[in-house]
Amino acid sequence: MGFFRNIWDGLLSLGAFILTLVVFGAPAWATFTAVTGGLVTAWVYVPLVGMLYVGLNLAIALLRKALDGVAPLRDRKRN
């Protein structure tokens, strides 16, 4: 039974990974298109880099949890 729980936890972490990419990627893409379209100045890239740094670190952590079979809100596998 614990094996299936770890698979489920890994799938939950994978879902959180994909959701994180969408949540941080969509505003990043919108910012990029706004700068290239001339709607805003290039200074907007400064907060964008900070947002992408946080988002990518979170995404990498969730991907590691997904590969290890750990739930998104837990530190270790369940017993």
N, C-alpha and C. Protein backbone atom coordinates (compact mmCIF):
# COMPACT_ATOMS: atom_id res chain seq x y z
N MET A 1 0.82 -1.19 0.00
CA MET A 1 0.00 0.00 0.00
C MET A 1 0.86 1.26 0.00
N GLY A 2 2.01 1.20 0.67
CA GLY A 2 2.89 2.36 0.73
C GLY A 2 3.50 2.71 -0.62
N PHE A 3 3.68 1.70 -1.47
CA PHE A 3 4.23 1.94 -2.80
C PHE A 3 3.30 2.81 -3.62
N PHE A 4 2.01 2.51 -3.57
CA PHE A 4 1.04 3.31 -4.33
C PHE A 4 0.89 4.71 -3.75
N ARG A 5 1.06 4.83 -2.45
CA ARG A 5 1.01 6.15 -1.82
C ARG A 5 2.18 7.02 -2.31
N ASN A 6 3.36 6.42 -2.45
CA ASN A 6 4.50 7.17 -2.96
C ASN A 6 4.31 7.56 -4.42
N ILE A 7 3.67 6.70 -5.20
CA ILE A 7 3.38 7.06 -6.59
C ILE A 7 2.40 8.23 -6.61
N TRP A 8 1.35 8.16 -5.79
CA TRP A 8 0.37 9.24 -5.73
C TRP A 8 1.03 10.55 -5.28
N ASP A 9 1.89 10.47 -4.27
CA ASP A 9 2.59 11.66 -3.80
C ASP A 9 3.49 12.24 -4.90
N GLY A 10 4.14 11.37 -5.66
CA GLY A 10 4.96 11.83 -6.77
C GLY A 10 4.14 12.51 -7.86
N LEU A 11 2.95 11.97 -8.13
CA LEU A 11 2.07 12.59 -9.12
C LEU A 11 1.57 13.96 -8.63
N LEU A 12 1.30 14.06 -7.33
CA LEU A 12 0.90 15.35 -6.78
C LEU A 12 2.03 16.37 -6.91
N SER A 13 3.24 15.94 -6.63
CA SER A 13 4.38 16.85 -6.78
C SER A 13 4.61 17.22 -8.24
N LEU A 14 4.38 16.28 -9.15
CA LEU A 14 4.50 16.58 -10.57
C LEU A 14 3.46 17.62 -11.00
N GLY A 15 2.24 17.47 -10.49
CA GLY A 15 1.20 18.46 -10.77
C GLY A 15 1.56 19.83 -10.23
N ALA A 16 2.13 19.85 -9.02
CA ALA A 16 2.56 21.12 -8.44
C ALA A 16 3.70 21.73 -9.25
N PHE A 17 4.58 20.89 -9.78
CA PHE A 17 5.67 21.36 -10.64
C PHE A 17 5.12 22.03 -11.90
N ILE A 18 4.16 21.37 -12.54
CA ILE A 18 3.58 21.92 -13.77
C ILE A 18 2.82 23.20 -13.47
N LEU A 19 2.07 23.23 -12.38
CA LEU A 19 1.34 24.43 -11.99
C LEU A 19 2.29 25.58 -11.69
N THR A 20 3.42 25.29 -11.07
CA THR A 20 4.42 26.32 -10.79
C THR A 20 4.99 26.90 -12.08
N LEU A 21 5.27 26.04 -13.04
CA LEU A 21 5.77 26.53 -14.33
C LEU A 21 4.76 27.44 -15.02
N VAL A 22 3.49 27.10 -14.92
CA VAL A 22 2.45 27.92 -15.54
C VAL A 22 2.31 29.25 -14.81
N VAL A 23 2.28 29.19 -13.47
CA VAL A 23 2.08 30.42 -12.68
C VAL A 23 3.23 31.39 -12.85
N PHE A 24 4.44 30.90 -12.94
CA PHE A 24 5.59 31.80 -13.10
C PHE A 24 5.93 32.04 -14.57
N GLY A 25 5.56 31.13 -15.46
CA GLY A 25 5.91 31.28 -16.86
C GLY A 25 5.00 32.22 -17.62
N ALA A 26 3.72 32.21 -17.32
CA ALA A 26 2.77 33.06 -18.04
C ALA A 26 3.07 34.55 -17.85
N PRO A 27 3.27 35.04 -16.62
CA PRO A 27 3.64 36.46 -16.48
C PRO A 27 5.01 36.78 -17.09
N ALA A 28 5.92 35.83 -17.06
CA ALA A 28 7.23 36.06 -17.66
C ALA A 28 7.09 36.23 -19.17
N TRP A 29 6.29 35.38 -19.79
CA TRP A 29 6.07 35.49 -21.23
C TRP A 29 5.35 36.80 -21.58
N ALA A 30 4.36 37.17 -20.77
CA ALA A 30 3.63 38.42 -21.01
C ALA A 30 4.56 39.62 -20.86
N THR A 31 5.45 39.58 -19.89
CA THR A 31 6.41 40.67 -19.70
C THR A 31 7.36 40.75 -20.89
N PHE A 32 7.83 39.62 -21.35
CA PHE A 32 8.74 39.60 -22.50
C PHE A 32 8.06 40.18 -23.74
N THR A 33 6.83 39.78 -23.98
CA THR A 33 6.14 40.30 -25.16
C THR A 33 5.82 41.79 -25.01
N ALA A 34 5.56 42.25 -23.79
CA ALA A 34 5.30 43.67 -23.58
C ALA A 34 6.56 44.50 -23.83
N VAL A 35 7.71 43.99 -23.41
CA VAL A 35 8.96 44.73 -23.63
C VAL A 35 9.32 44.74 -25.11
N THR A 36 9.20 43.59 -25.77
CA THR A 36 9.54 43.55 -27.19
C THR A 36 8.53 44.33 -28.03
N GLY A 37 7.31 44.46 -27.55
CA GLY A 37 6.31 45.24 -28.27
C GLY A 37 6.39 46.73 -28.00
N GLY A 38 7.21 47.13 -27.06
CA GLY A 38 7.39 48.54 -26.77
C GLY A 38 6.36 49.12 -25.81
N LEU A 39 5.61 48.28 -25.12
CA LEU A 39 4.61 48.78 -24.18
C LEU A 39 5.23 49.27 -22.87
N VAL A 40 6.29 48.64 -22.45
CA VAL A 40 6.98 49.02 -21.21
C VAL A 40 8.47 49.11 -21.49
N THR A 41 9.19 49.73 -20.55
CA THR A 41 10.64 49.87 -20.73
C THR A 41 11.36 48.58 -20.35
N ALA A 42 12.61 48.53 -20.71
CA ALA A 42 13.41 47.33 -20.43
C ALA A 42 13.72 47.16 -18.95
N TRP A 43 13.45 48.17 -18.13
CA TRP A 43 13.69 48.04 -16.69
C TRP A 43 12.77 47.01 -16.05
N VAL A 44 11.74 46.64 -16.73
CA VAL A 44 10.81 45.64 -16.19
C VAL A 44 11.49 44.27 -16.12
N TYR A 45 12.57 44.09 -16.85
CA TYR A 45 13.30 42.82 -16.79
C TYR A 45 13.92 42.58 -15.41
N VAL A 46 14.19 43.63 -14.65
CA VAL A 46 14.83 43.47 -13.34
C VAL A 46 13.93 42.67 -12.39
N PRO A 47 12.67 43.08 -12.15
CA PRO A 47 11.83 42.24 -11.29
C PRO A 47 11.49 40.90 -11.92
N LEU A 48 11.50 40.84 -13.26
CA LEU A 48 11.22 39.58 -13.93
C LEU A 48 12.30 38.55 -13.62
N VAL A 49 13.54 38.97 -13.59
CA VAL A 49 14.64 38.05 -13.27
C VAL A 49 14.48 37.52 -11.85
N GLY A 50 14.10 38.38 -10.92
CA GLY A 50 13.86 37.93 -9.54
C GLY A 50 12.72 36.94 -9.46
N MET A 51 11.64 37.22 -10.18
CA MET A 51 10.50 36.32 -10.17
C MET A 51 10.87 34.97 -10.78
N LEU A 52 11.62 34.98 -11.88
CA LEU A 52 12.03 33.73 -12.50
C LEU A 52 13.00 32.94 -11.62
N TYR A 53 13.84 33.64 -10.88
CA TYR A 53 14.75 32.95 -9.95
C TYR A 53 13.97 32.18 -8.89
N VAL A 54 12.99 32.84 -8.30
CA VAL A 54 12.18 32.18 -7.28
C VAL A 54 11.38 31.04 -7.89
N GLY A 55 10.76 31.29 -9.04
CA GLY A 55 9.94 30.28 -9.68
C GLY A 55 10.71 29.05 -10.11
N LEU A 56 11.90 29.25 -10.66
CA LEU A 56 12.70 28.10 -11.09
C LEU A 56 13.23 27.29 -9.92
N ASN A 57 13.60 27.97 -8.83
CA ASN A 57 14.03 27.23 -7.64
C ASN A 57 12.88 26.39 -7.08
N LEU A 58 11.69 26.96 -7.03
CA LEU A 58 10.53 26.22 -6.56
C LEU A 58 10.21 25.06 -7.48
N ALA A 59 10.28 25.28 -8.78
CA ALA A 59 9.99 24.23 -9.75
C ALA A 59 11.01 23.09 -9.64
N ILE A 60 12.27 23.41 -9.48
CA ILE A 60 13.29 22.37 -9.34
C ILE A 60 13.07 21.56 -8.08
N ALA A 61 12.71 22.22 -6.98
CA ALA A 61 12.45 21.51 -5.73
C ALA A 61 11.25 20.57 -5.88
N LEU A 62 10.21 21.02 -6.54
CA LEU A 62 9.04 20.17 -6.73
C LEU A 62 9.33 19.02 -7.69
N LEU A 63 10.16 19.25 -8.69
CA LEU A 63 10.52 18.17 -9.60
C LEU A 63 11.34 17.11 -8.87
N ARG A 64 12.24 17.53 -7.99
CA ARG A 64 13.01 16.56 -7.21
C ARG A 64 12.09 15.73 -6.32
N LYS A 65 11.09 16.39 -5.72
CA LYS A 65 10.13 15.66 -4.89
C LYS A 65 9.32 14.69 -5.74
N ALA A 66 8.94 15.12 -6.94
CA ALA A 66 8.16 14.23 -7.80
C ALA A 66 8.96 12.99 -8.17
N LEU A 67 10.22 13.16 -8.47
CA LEU A 67 11.06 12.01 -8.83
C LEU A 67 11.34 11.10 -7.65
N ASP A 68 11.33 11.65 -6.43
CA ASP A 68 11.56 10.85 -5.24
C ASP A 68 10.29 10.26 -4.65
N GLY A 69 9.12 10.69 -5.14
CA GLY A 69 7.86 10.18 -4.62
C GLY A 69 7.45 10.80 -3.31
N VAL A 70 7.77 12.08 -3.12
CA VAL A 70 7.44 12.79 -1.89
C VAL A 70 6.32 13.77 -2.19
N ALA A 71 5.36 13.88 -1.28
CA ALA A 71 4.25 14.81 -1.45
C ALA A 71 4.77 16.25 -1.46
N PRO A 72 4.04 17.16 -2.12
CA PRO A 72 4.54 18.55 -2.23
C PRO A 72 4.74 19.25 -0.89
N LEU A 73 3.93 18.94 0.10
CA LEU A 73 4.02 19.64 1.39
C LEU A 73 4.77 18.85 2.45
N ARG A 74 5.42 17.76 2.07
CA ARG A 74 6.17 16.96 3.02
C ARG A 74 7.65 17.03 2.74
N ASP A 75 8.46 16.70 3.74
CA ASP A 75 9.91 16.71 3.57
C ASP A 75 10.46 15.35 3.17
N ARG A 76 9.83 14.28 3.67
CA ARG A 76 10.30 12.93 3.42
C ARG A 76 9.15 12.05 2.97
N LYS A 77 9.50 10.85 2.49
CA LYS A 77 8.47 9.89 2.11
C LYS A 77 7.68 9.46 3.33
N ARG A 78 6.44 9.08 3.08
CA ARG A 78 5.62 8.54 4.18
C ARG A 78 6.06 7.13 4.49
N ASN A 79 5.84 6.72 5.72
CA ASN A 79 6.18 5.35 6.13
C ASN A 79 5.07 4.40 5.85
